[in-house]
Amino acid sequence: MTSTWYTLLVLAVAAERRAELVVARRNTRWSLARGGVESGRGHYPAMVALHTGLLLGCLAEVRFAERPFPAVLGWTMAGVVVASQALRWWCIRTLGPRWNTRVIVVPGLPRVTGGPYRWLSHPNYVAVAAEGIALPLVHGAWVTALVFTALNAALMVVRIRCEDGALARLPAADAPA
């Protein structure tokens, strides 16, 4: 995989993120129209900056540090990137209009326990963590992978506490999704 193909891969992930934001904006309107309550506004800008930094870091490190494409690791990590996207969109589909990049909970709706939420409380964050390691490593950008992973871990502590607190206010029903 040449750096040109890697650049296209990173741009494809960036386009996917834009698609997520379109879905999130639509879902924000849906949630707020139903009395949704947003939590964790303070950490959201840091999350946006971190995810933007991941994409820019991937491109910068490969270019300026002249990282080679490690074939076996690279193709394996490309597979992990694809799998993380599949998991992310499974989460989005399972949550439907409740999915968001922000923490917005609509009072009175039961907690979703179907799809990947049957097995994990926060499967979307598994996808984020996997992608944050794999995308840089597709083309040997190990510094970006390490920095993103460390910063993302710290952010996820805050984010998951915030989300768990918001979800604790939902009725404990097992509505299939």
N, C-alpha and C. Protein backbone atom coordinates (compact mmCIF):
# COMPACT_ATOMS: atom_id res chain seq x y z
N MET A 1 0.87 -1.18 0.00
CA MET A 1 0.00 0.00 0.00
C MET A 1 0.91 1.23 0.00
N THR A 2 0.76 2.04 -0.99
CA THR A 2 1.57 3.26 -1.05
C THR A 2 0.95 4.32 -0.16
N SER A 3 1.70 5.37 0.07
CA SER A 3 1.16 6.44 0.91
C SER A 3 -0.04 7.11 0.24
N THR A 4 -0.14 7.04 -1.10
CA THR A 4 -1.31 7.60 -1.79
C THR A 4 -2.56 6.81 -1.41
N TRP A 5 -2.48 5.49 -1.43
CA TRP A 5 -3.61 4.67 -1.04
C TRP A 5 -3.94 4.86 0.44
N TYR A 6 -2.92 5.03 1.25
CA TYR A 6 -3.16 5.27 2.67
C TYR A 6 -3.87 6.61 2.87
N THR A 7 -3.44 7.61 2.14
CA THR A 7 -4.12 8.91 2.21
C THR A 7 -5.59 8.76 1.83
N LEU A 8 -5.87 7.99 0.79
CA LEU A 8 -7.26 7.76 0.40
C LEU A 8 -8.04 7.02 1.49
N LEU A 9 -7.38 6.08 2.16
CA LEU A 9 -8.04 5.37 3.26
C LEU A 9 -8.39 6.34 4.39
N VAL A 10 -7.43 7.18 4.77
CA VAL A 10 -7.69 8.16 5.84
C VAL A 10 -8.79 9.13 5.41
N LEU A 11 -8.79 9.55 4.17
CA LEU A 11 -9.85 10.45 3.68
C LEU A 11 -11.20 9.74 3.67
N ALA A 12 -11.21 8.44 3.37
CA ALA A 12 -12.46 7.67 3.43
C ALA A 12 -12.99 7.61 4.87
N VAL A 13 -12.09 7.42 5.83
CA VAL A 13 -12.50 7.43 7.23
C VAL A 13 -13.02 8.81 7.61
N ALA A 14 -12.37 9.86 7.13
CA ALA A 14 -12.84 11.22 7.39
C ALA A 14 -14.24 11.44 6.81
N ALA A 15 -14.48 10.92 5.61
CA ALA A 15 -15.81 11.03 5.00
C ALA A 15 -16.84 10.26 5.82
N GLU A 16 -16.44 9.11 6.34
CA GLU A 16 -17.33 8.33 7.20
C GLU A 16 -17.68 9.14 8.45
N ARG A 17 -16.70 9.82 9.00
CA ARG A 17 -16.94 10.65 10.19
C ARG A 17 -17.91 11.79 9.88
N ARG A 18 -17.78 12.37 8.68
CA ARG A 18 -18.72 13.43 8.27
C ARG A 18 -20.14 12.85 8.20
N ALA A 19 -20.25 11.63 7.66
CA ALA A 19 -21.57 10.98 7.59
C ALA A 19 -22.14 10.79 9.00
N GLU A 20 -21.28 10.40 9.93
CA GLU A 20 -21.72 10.26 11.32
C GLU A 20 -22.27 11.57 11.85
N LEU A 21 -21.58 12.67 11.55
CA LEU A 21 -22.03 13.98 12.04
C LEU A 21 -23.38 14.37 11.45
N VAL A 22 -23.62 14.01 10.20
CA VAL A 22 -24.93 14.27 9.59
C VAL A 22 -26.01 13.49 10.33
N VAL A 23 -25.75 12.22 10.59
CA VAL A 23 -26.69 11.38 11.34
C VAL A 23 -26.88 11.95 12.75
N ALA A 24 -25.78 12.33 13.38
CA ALA A 24 -25.86 12.85 14.75
C ALA A 24 -26.69 14.14 14.82
N ARG A 25 -26.50 15.03 13.85
CA ARG A 25 -27.30 16.28 13.86
C ARG A 25 -28.79 15.98 13.71
N ARG A 26 -29.11 15.06 12.82
CA ARG A 26 -30.52 14.67 12.63
C ARG A 26 -31.05 14.05 13.93
N ASN A 27 -30.27 13.18 14.54
CA ASN A 27 -30.70 12.51 15.77
C ASN A 27 -30.77 13.48 16.95
N THR A 28 -29.92 14.50 16.95
CA THR A 28 -30.00 15.53 18.00
C THR A 28 -31.35 16.23 17.92
N ARG A 29 -31.75 16.61 16.72
CA ARG A 29 -33.05 17.27 16.55
C ARG A 29 -34.18 16.35 17.02
N TRP A 30 -34.11 15.07 16.66
CA TRP A 30 -35.12 14.10 17.07
C TRP A 30 -35.20 14.01 18.59
N SER A 31 -34.04 13.87 19.23
CA SER A 31 -33.99 13.72 20.69
C SER A 31 -34.48 14.97 21.41
N LEU A 32 -34.00 16.12 20.98
CA LEU A 32 -34.40 17.36 21.65
C LEU A 32 -35.89 17.63 21.48
N ALA A 33 -36.45 17.27 20.33
CA ALA A 33 -37.89 17.45 20.11
C ALA A 33 -38.71 16.57 21.05
N ARG A 34 -38.10 15.53 21.59
CA ARG A 34 -38.79 14.62 22.51
C ARG A 34 -38.36 14.84 23.97
N GLY A 35 -37.77 15.99 24.23
CA GLY A 35 -37.38 16.32 25.60
C GLY A 35 -36.02 15.80 26.01
N GLY A 36 -35.19 15.41 25.04
CA GLY A 36 -33.87 14.89 25.35
C GLY A 36 -33.03 15.85 26.17
N VAL A 37 -32.22 15.29 27.04
CA VAL A 37 -31.35 16.07 27.92
C VAL A 37 -29.90 15.74 27.58
N GLU A 38 -29.13 16.78 27.30
CA GLU A 38 -27.72 16.58 26.96
C GLU A 38 -26.85 16.66 28.21
N SER A 39 -25.90 15.77 28.29
CA SER A 39 -24.91 15.75 29.37
C SER A 39 -23.52 15.81 28.74
N GLY A 40 -22.54 16.26 29.49
CA GLY A 40 -21.14 16.17 29.06
C GLY A 40 -20.71 17.11 27.97
N ARG A 41 -21.33 18.26 27.90
CA ARG A 41 -20.92 19.22 26.85
C ARG A 41 -19.47 19.63 26.98
N GLY A 42 -18.95 19.63 28.19
CA GLY A 42 -17.59 20.10 28.42
C GLY A 42 -16.51 19.26 27.75
N HIS A 43 -16.71 17.95 27.67
CA HIS A 43 -15.68 17.10 27.08
C HIS A 43 -15.84 16.94 25.57
N TYR A 44 -16.95 17.36 25.01
CA TYR A 44 -17.20 17.16 23.58
C TYR A 44 -16.17 17.84 22.68
N PRO A 45 -15.81 19.10 22.92
CA PRO A 45 -14.78 19.71 22.06
C PRO A 45 -13.44 18.96 22.10
N ALA A 46 -13.07 18.44 23.25
CA ALA A 46 -11.82 17.67 23.34
C ALA A 46 -11.92 16.39 22.52
N MET A 47 -13.10 15.78 22.51
CA MET A 47 -13.29 14.56 21.73
C MET A 47 -13.19 14.87 20.23
N VAL A 48 -13.80 15.95 19.80
CA VAL A 48 -13.72 16.34 18.38
C VAL A 48 -12.26 16.62 18.01
N ALA A 49 -11.55 17.34 18.85
CA ALA A 49 -10.15 17.65 18.57
C ALA A 49 -9.30 16.39 18.52
N LEU A 50 -9.53 15.46 19.42
CA LEU A 50 -8.76 14.22 19.45
C LEU A 50 -8.99 13.40 18.18
N HIS A 51 -10.22 13.29 17.75
CA HIS A 51 -10.52 12.49 16.57
C HIS A 51 -10.01 13.16 15.29
N THR A 52 -10.06 14.48 15.25
CA THR A 52 -9.46 15.21 14.12
C THR A 52 -7.96 15.02 14.14
N GLY A 53 -7.37 15.09 15.32
CA GLY A 53 -5.93 14.89 15.47
C GLY A 53 -5.48 13.50 15.04
N LEU A 54 -6.33 12.49 15.27
CA LEU A 54 -6.00 11.13 14.82
C LEU A 54 -5.82 11.11 13.30
N LEU A 55 -6.76 11.67 12.59
CA LEU A 55 -6.69 11.66 11.13
C LEU A 55 -5.49 12.45 10.61
N LEU A 56 -5.30 13.64 11.17
CA LEU A 56 -4.16 14.47 10.75
C LEU A 56 -2.83 13.82 11.15
N GLY A 57 -2.79 13.24 12.34
CA GLY A 57 -1.58 12.57 12.80
C GLY A 57 -1.19 11.40 11.92
N CYS A 58 -2.18 10.64 11.49
CA CYS A 58 -1.90 9.52 10.58
C CYS A 58 -1.19 10.00 9.32
N LEU A 59 -1.75 11.04 8.71
CA LEU A 59 -1.17 11.55 7.46
C LEU A 59 0.19 12.19 7.69
N ALA A 60 0.30 12.98 8.75
CA ALA A 60 1.56 13.69 9.01
C ALA A 60 2.69 12.73 9.35
N GLU A 61 2.42 11.77 10.20
CA GLU A 61 3.49 10.85 10.60
C GLU A 61 3.98 10.01 9.42
N VAL A 62 3.06 9.53 8.62
CA VAL A 62 3.47 8.72 7.46
C VAL A 62 4.31 9.56 6.50
N ARG A 63 3.90 10.80 6.31
CA ARG A 63 4.63 11.65 5.36
C ARG A 63 5.96 12.14 5.92
N PHE A 64 5.93 12.75 7.09
CA PHE A 64 7.13 13.42 7.59
C PHE A 64 8.11 12.48 8.27
N ALA A 65 7.62 11.38 8.83
CA ALA A 65 8.53 10.41 9.43
C ALA A 65 8.87 9.30 8.42
N GLU A 66 8.30 9.43 7.23
CA GLU A 66 8.56 8.48 6.14
C GLU A 66 8.36 7.03 6.58
N ARG A 67 7.21 6.79 7.18
CA ARG A 67 6.89 5.45 7.65
C ARG A 67 6.64 4.53 6.45
N PRO A 68 7.22 3.36 6.48
CA PRO A 68 6.97 2.40 5.39
C PRO A 68 5.65 1.68 5.62
N PHE A 69 5.16 1.03 4.59
CA PHE A 69 3.97 0.20 4.72
C PHE A 69 4.42 -1.20 5.14
N PRO A 70 4.10 -1.60 6.38
CA PRO A 70 4.47 -2.96 6.84
C PRO A 70 3.40 -3.94 6.37
N ALA A 71 3.66 -4.68 5.33
CA ALA A 71 2.64 -5.47 4.62
C ALA A 71 1.75 -6.33 5.54
N VAL A 72 2.33 -7.22 6.31
CA VAL A 72 1.50 -8.13 7.11
C VAL A 72 0.71 -7.34 8.16
N LEU A 73 1.39 -6.49 8.91
CA LEU A 73 0.71 -5.67 9.91
C LEU A 73 -0.27 -4.72 9.23
N GLY A 74 0.15 -4.11 8.15
CA GLY A 74 -0.69 -3.13 7.46
C GLY A 74 -2.01 -3.70 6.97
N TRP A 75 -1.94 -4.85 6.31
CA TRP A 75 -3.18 -5.45 5.81
C TRP A 75 -4.04 -5.96 6.96
N THR A 76 -3.42 -6.48 8.01
CA THR A 76 -4.18 -6.92 9.17
C THR A 76 -4.90 -5.73 9.81
N MET A 77 -4.19 -4.62 9.98
CA MET A 77 -4.79 -3.44 10.58
C MET A 77 -5.86 -2.84 9.67
N ALA A 78 -5.70 -2.93 8.35
CA ALA A 78 -6.74 -2.47 7.43
C ALA A 78 -8.02 -3.28 7.67
N GLY A 79 -7.87 -4.57 7.93
CA GLY A 79 -9.02 -5.40 8.26
C GLY A 79 -9.68 -4.96 9.56
N VAL A 80 -8.87 -4.58 10.54
CA VAL A 80 -9.41 -4.10 11.81
C VAL A 80 -10.15 -2.77 11.61
N VAL A 81 -9.62 -1.91 10.74
CA VAL A 81 -10.30 -0.63 10.43
C VAL A 81 -11.68 -0.92 9.85
N VAL A 82 -11.75 -1.83 8.89
CA VAL A 82 -13.04 -2.18 8.28
C VAL A 82 -13.99 -2.77 9.33
N ALA A 83 -13.47 -3.67 10.17
CA ALA A 83 -14.30 -4.27 11.21
C ALA A 83 -14.80 -3.22 12.21
N SER A 84 -13.95 -2.25 12.54
CA SER A 84 -14.38 -1.21 13.48
C SER A 84 -15.48 -0.35 12.87
N GLN A 85 -15.41 -0.10 11.56
CA GLN A 85 -16.47 0.66 10.91
C GLN A 85 -17.78 -0.14 10.92
N ALA A 86 -17.67 -1.44 10.68
CA ALA A 86 -18.87 -2.30 10.70
C ALA A 86 -19.51 -2.28 12.09
N LEU A 87 -18.69 -2.40 13.13
CA LEU A 87 -19.21 -2.36 14.50
C LEU A 87 -19.85 -1.00 14.79
N ARG A 88 -19.20 0.07 14.39
CA ARG A 88 -19.74 1.42 14.64
C ARG A 88 -21.12 1.57 13.99
N TRP A 89 -21.26 1.14 12.73
CA TRP A 89 -22.54 1.30 12.04
C TRP A 89 -23.59 0.32 12.56
N TRP A 90 -23.17 -0.80 13.11
CA TRP A 90 -24.11 -1.69 13.78
C TRP A 90 -24.66 -0.98 15.02
N CYS A 91 -23.80 -0.29 15.75
CA CYS A 91 -24.25 0.49 16.90
C CYS A 91 -25.24 1.58 16.47
N ILE A 92 -24.89 2.30 15.42
CA ILE A 92 -25.75 3.39 14.93
C ILE A 92 -27.11 2.83 14.52
N ARG A 93 -27.09 1.72 13.80
CA ARG A 93 -28.36 1.13 13.35
C ARG A 93 -29.18 0.61 14.54
N THR A 94 -28.52 -0.01 15.50
CA THR A 94 -29.22 -0.55 16.66
C THR A 94 -29.88 0.56 17.48
N LEU A 95 -29.16 1.64 17.70
CA LEU A 95 -29.71 2.74 18.50
C LEU A 95 -30.69 3.60 17.71
N GLY A 96 -30.62 3.54 16.39
CA GLY A 96 -31.53 4.33 15.55
C GLY A 96 -31.41 5.81 15.87
N PRO A 97 -32.54 6.49 16.04
CA PRO A 97 -32.48 7.94 16.27
C PRO A 97 -31.90 8.33 17.63
N ARG A 98 -31.66 7.35 18.50
CA ARG A 98 -31.05 7.65 19.80
C ARG A 98 -29.54 7.75 19.73
N TRP A 99 -28.93 7.23 18.63
CA TRP A 99 -27.47 7.29 18.52
C TRP A 99 -27.04 8.74 18.30
N ASN A 100 -25.92 9.10 18.93
CA ASN A 100 -25.42 10.46 18.77
C ASN A 100 -23.94 10.51 19.12
N THR A 101 -23.26 11.53 18.62
CA THR A 101 -21.88 11.77 19.03
C THR A 101 -21.87 12.52 20.36
N ARG A 102 -22.98 13.06 20.71
CA ARG A 102 -23.15 13.73 22.01
C ARG A 102 -23.88 12.77 22.95
N VAL A 103 -23.90 13.10 24.22
CA VAL A 103 -24.64 12.28 25.19
C VAL A 103 -25.99 12.96 25.39
N ILE A 104 -27.01 12.43 24.72
CA ILE A 104 -28.37 12.97 24.84
C ILE A 104 -29.29 11.79 25.15
N VAL A 105 -30.01 11.92 26.26
CA VAL A 105 -30.92 10.86 26.69
C VAL A 105 -32.33 11.43 26.68
N VAL A 106 -33.23 10.67 26.08
CA VAL A 106 -34.65 11.06 26.04
C VAL A 106 -35.35 10.40 27.22
N PRO A 107 -35.85 11.20 28.16
CA PRO A 107 -36.55 10.64 29.32
C PRO A 107 -37.73 9.77 28.89
N GLY A 108 -37.90 8.67 29.61
CA GLY A 108 -39.02 7.78 29.37
C GLY A 108 -38.73 6.66 28.40
N LEU A 109 -37.65 6.74 27.65
CA LEU A 109 -37.31 5.65 26.74
C LEU A 109 -36.47 4.62 27.48
N PRO A 110 -36.73 3.35 27.25
CA PRO A 110 -35.95 2.32 27.93
C PRO A 110 -34.55 2.21 27.32
N ARG A 111 -33.66 1.67 28.09
CA ARG A 111 -32.29 1.44 27.63
C ARG A 111 -32.30 0.38 26.53
N VAL A 112 -31.52 0.58 25.49
CA VAL A 112 -31.43 -0.38 24.39
C VAL A 112 -30.53 -1.53 24.83
N THR A 113 -31.02 -2.75 24.63
CA THR A 113 -30.26 -3.94 25.02
C THR A 113 -30.11 -4.93 23.88
N GLY A 114 -30.41 -4.50 22.66
CA GLY A 114 -30.28 -5.39 21.51
C GLY A 114 -28.97 -5.14 20.77
N GLY A 115 -28.82 -5.83 19.65
CA GLY A 115 -27.62 -5.66 18.82
C GLY A 115 -26.36 -5.89 19.64
N PRO A 116 -25.32 -5.08 19.40
CA PRO A 116 -24.08 -5.28 20.15
C PRO A 116 -24.21 -4.91 21.62
N TYR A 117 -25.28 -4.17 21.97
CA TYR A 117 -25.51 -3.79 23.36
C TYR A 117 -25.98 -4.98 24.19
N ARG A 118 -26.27 -6.07 23.53
CA ARG A 118 -26.61 -7.33 24.22
C ARG A 118 -25.40 -7.85 24.98
N TRP A 119 -24.21 -7.59 24.44
CA TRP A 119 -22.97 -8.14 25.02
C TRP A 119 -22.08 -7.10 25.67
N LEU A 120 -22.16 -5.86 25.19
CA LEU A 120 -21.27 -4.79 25.70
C LEU A 120 -22.08 -3.56 26.04
N SER A 121 -21.68 -2.87 27.08
CA SER A 121 -22.37 -1.62 27.45
C SER A 121 -22.03 -0.49 26.49
N HIS A 122 -20.81 -0.48 25.98
CA HIS A 122 -20.36 0.62 25.13
C HIS A 122 -19.61 0.10 23.90
N PRO A 123 -20.30 -0.62 23.02
CA PRO A 123 -19.59 -1.21 21.88
C PRO A 123 -19.03 -0.17 20.91
N ASN A 124 -19.64 0.99 20.83
CA ASN A 124 -19.11 2.03 19.93
C ASN A 124 -17.71 2.44 20.35
N TYR A 125 -17.44 2.44 21.65
CA TYR A 125 -16.11 2.84 22.12
C TYR A 125 -15.07 1.75 21.87
N VAL A 126 -15.52 0.51 21.77
CA VAL A 126 -14.63 -0.57 21.33
C VAL A 126 -14.21 -0.29 19.89
N ALA A 127 -15.17 0.10 19.06
CA ALA A 127 -14.87 0.43 17.66
C ALA A 127 -13.90 1.60 17.58
N VAL A 128 -14.13 2.63 18.38
CA VAL A 128 -13.24 3.81 18.38
C VAL A 128 -11.83 3.42 18.79
N ALA A 129 -11.72 2.63 19.85
CA ALA A 129 -10.39 2.22 20.32
C ALA A 129 -9.67 1.37 19.28
N ALA A 130 -10.39 0.43 18.67
CA ALA A 130 -9.77 -0.42 17.65
C ALA A 130 -9.32 0.40 16.45
N GLU A 131 -10.17 1.30 16.01
CA GLU A 131 -9.81 2.15 14.88
C GLU A 131 -8.62 3.05 15.21
N GLY A 132 -8.59 3.57 16.43
CA GLY A 132 -7.52 4.47 16.84
C GLY A 132 -6.16 3.81 16.88
N ILE A 133 -6.14 2.53 17.10
CA ILE A 133 -4.89 1.77 17.05
C ILE A 133 -4.60 1.34 15.61
N ALA A 134 -5.63 0.81 14.95
CA ALA A 134 -5.42 0.18 13.63
C ALA A 134 -5.14 1.17 12.51
N LEU A 135 -5.90 2.26 12.44
CA LEU A 135 -5.73 3.19 11.31
C LEU A 135 -4.30 3.70 11.19
N PRO A 136 -3.68 4.16 12.26
CA PRO A 136 -2.28 4.58 12.13
C PRO A 136 -1.35 3.43 11.76
N LEU A 137 -1.59 2.25 12.33
CA LEU A 137 -0.68 1.13 12.11
C LEU A 137 -0.79 0.52 10.72
N VAL A 138 -1.85 0.86 9.98
CA VAL A 138 -1.94 0.40 8.59
C VAL A 138 -0.68 0.81 7.84
N HIS A 139 -0.16 1.99 8.15
CA HIS A 139 1.03 2.47 7.44
C HIS A 139 2.17 2.80 8.41
N GLY A 140 2.22 2.10 9.53
CA GLY A 140 3.36 2.20 10.43
C GLY A 140 3.44 3.45 11.29
N ALA A 141 2.34 4.18 11.43
CA ALA A 141 2.34 5.41 12.23
C ALA A 141 2.13 5.07 13.71
N TRP A 142 3.13 4.44 14.29
CA TRP A 142 3.01 3.92 15.65
C TRP A 142 2.94 5.03 16.70
N VAL A 143 3.59 6.18 16.47
CA VAL A 143 3.52 7.28 17.44
C VAL A 143 2.09 7.80 17.53
N THR A 144 1.45 7.98 16.39
CA THR A 144 0.05 8.43 16.38
C THR A 144 -0.83 7.41 17.09
N ALA A 145 -0.60 6.13 16.83
CA ALA A 145 -1.39 5.09 17.50
C ALA A 145 -1.23 5.16 19.02
N LEU A 146 0.01 5.33 19.48
CA LEU A 146 0.25 5.40 20.93
C LEU A 146 -0.36 6.65 21.56
N VAL A 147 -0.14 7.80 20.93
CA VAL A 147 -0.65 9.06 21.49
C VAL A 147 -2.17 9.06 21.50
N PHE A 148 -2.78 8.67 20.38
CA PHE A 148 -4.24 8.63 20.34
C PHE A 148 -4.78 7.68 21.40
N THR A 149 -4.21 6.50 21.50
CA THR A 149 -4.71 5.50 22.44
C THR A 149 -4.63 6.00 23.88
N ALA A 150 -3.53 6.63 24.24
CA ALA A 150 -3.39 7.15 25.61
C ALA A 150 -4.40 8.27 25.88
N LEU A 151 -4.51 9.22 24.96
CA LEU A 151 -5.44 10.33 25.16
C LEU A 151 -6.89 9.85 25.10
N ASN A 152 -7.17 8.92 24.20
CA ASN A 152 -8.52 8.39 24.09
C ASN A 152 -8.91 7.63 25.36
N ALA A 153 -7.99 6.89 25.95
CA ALA A 153 -8.29 6.18 27.19
C ALA A 153 -8.69 7.15 28.29
N ALA A 154 -7.96 8.25 28.41
CA ALA A 154 -8.29 9.26 29.42
C ALA A 154 -9.66 9.89 29.13
N LEU A 155 -9.90 10.18 27.88
CA LEU A 155 -11.19 10.77 27.50
C LEU A 155 -12.34 9.80 27.72
N MET A 156 -12.11 8.52 27.44
CA MET A 156 -13.17 7.53 27.61
C MET A 156 -13.57 7.34 29.07
N VAL A 157 -12.63 7.53 29.98
CA VAL A 157 -12.98 7.48 31.40
C VAL A 157 -14.04 8.54 31.70
N VAL A 158 -13.81 9.75 31.21
CA VAL A 158 -14.75 10.86 31.42
C VAL A 158 -16.06 10.58 30.68
N ARG A 159 -15.94 10.19 29.43
CA ARG A 159 -17.11 9.98 28.57
C ARG A 159 -18.01 8.85 29.09
N ILE A 160 -17.43 7.74 29.46
CA ILE A 160 -18.23 6.61 29.93
C ILE A 160 -18.90 6.92 31.27
N ARG A 161 -18.20 7.62 32.15
CA ARG A 161 -18.85 8.05 33.41
C ARG A 161 -20.05 8.93 33.12
N CYS A 162 -19.87 9.87 32.20
CA CYS A 162 -20.93 10.79 31.82
C CYS A 162 -22.11 10.01 31.22
N GLU A 163 -21.81 9.14 30.29
CA GLU A 163 -22.86 8.37 29.62
C GLU A 163 -23.56 7.43 30.59
N ASP A 164 -22.81 6.75 31.44
CA ASP A 164 -23.43 5.84 32.41
C ASP A 164 -24.35 6.60 33.37
N GLY A 165 -23.92 7.80 33.77
CA GLY A 165 -24.77 8.62 34.64
C GLY A 165 -26.06 9.01 33.95
N ALA A 166 -25.96 9.39 32.68
CA ALA A 166 -27.16 9.77 31.93
C ALA A 166 -28.06 8.57 31.70
N LEU A 167 -27.47 7.43 31.37
CA LEU A 167 -28.27 6.23 31.13
C LEU A 167 -28.90 5.68 32.40
N ALA A 168 -28.29 5.94 33.55
CA ALA A 168 -28.83 5.45 34.83
C ALA A 168 -30.20 6.06 35.10
N ARG A 169 -30.48 7.17 34.47
CA ARG A 169 -31.78 7.83 34.67
C ARG A 169 -32.87 7.22 33.78
N LEU A 170 -32.52 6.28 32.90
CA LEU A 170 -33.51 5.63 32.05
C LEU A 170 -34.19 4.50 32.82
N PRO A 171 -35.42 4.17 32.43
CA PRO A 171 -36.06 2.99 33.04
C PRO A 171 -35.28 1.73 32.64
N ALA A 172 -35.23 0.78 33.53
CA ALA A 172 -34.48 -0.45 33.29
C ALA A 172 -35.39 -1.47 32.60
N ALA A 173 -35.64 -1.23 31.33
CA ALA A 173 -36.45 -2.17 30.54
C ALA A 173 -35.56 -2.82 29.51
N ASP A 174 -35.93 -4.01 29.11
CA ASP A 174 -35.14 -4.67 28.09
C ASP A 174 -35.89 -4.64 26.77
N ALA A 175 -35.97 -3.47 26.20
CA ALA A 175 -36.62 -3.29 24.90
C ALA A 175 -35.71 -3.77 23.81
N PRO A 176 -36.18 -4.67 22.99
CA PRO A 176 -35.32 -5.12 21.87
C PRO A 176 -35.12 -3.98 20.88
N ALA A 177 -33.94 -3.97 20.32
CA ALA A 177 -33.66 -2.92 19.33
C ALA A 177 -33.10 -3.55 18.08
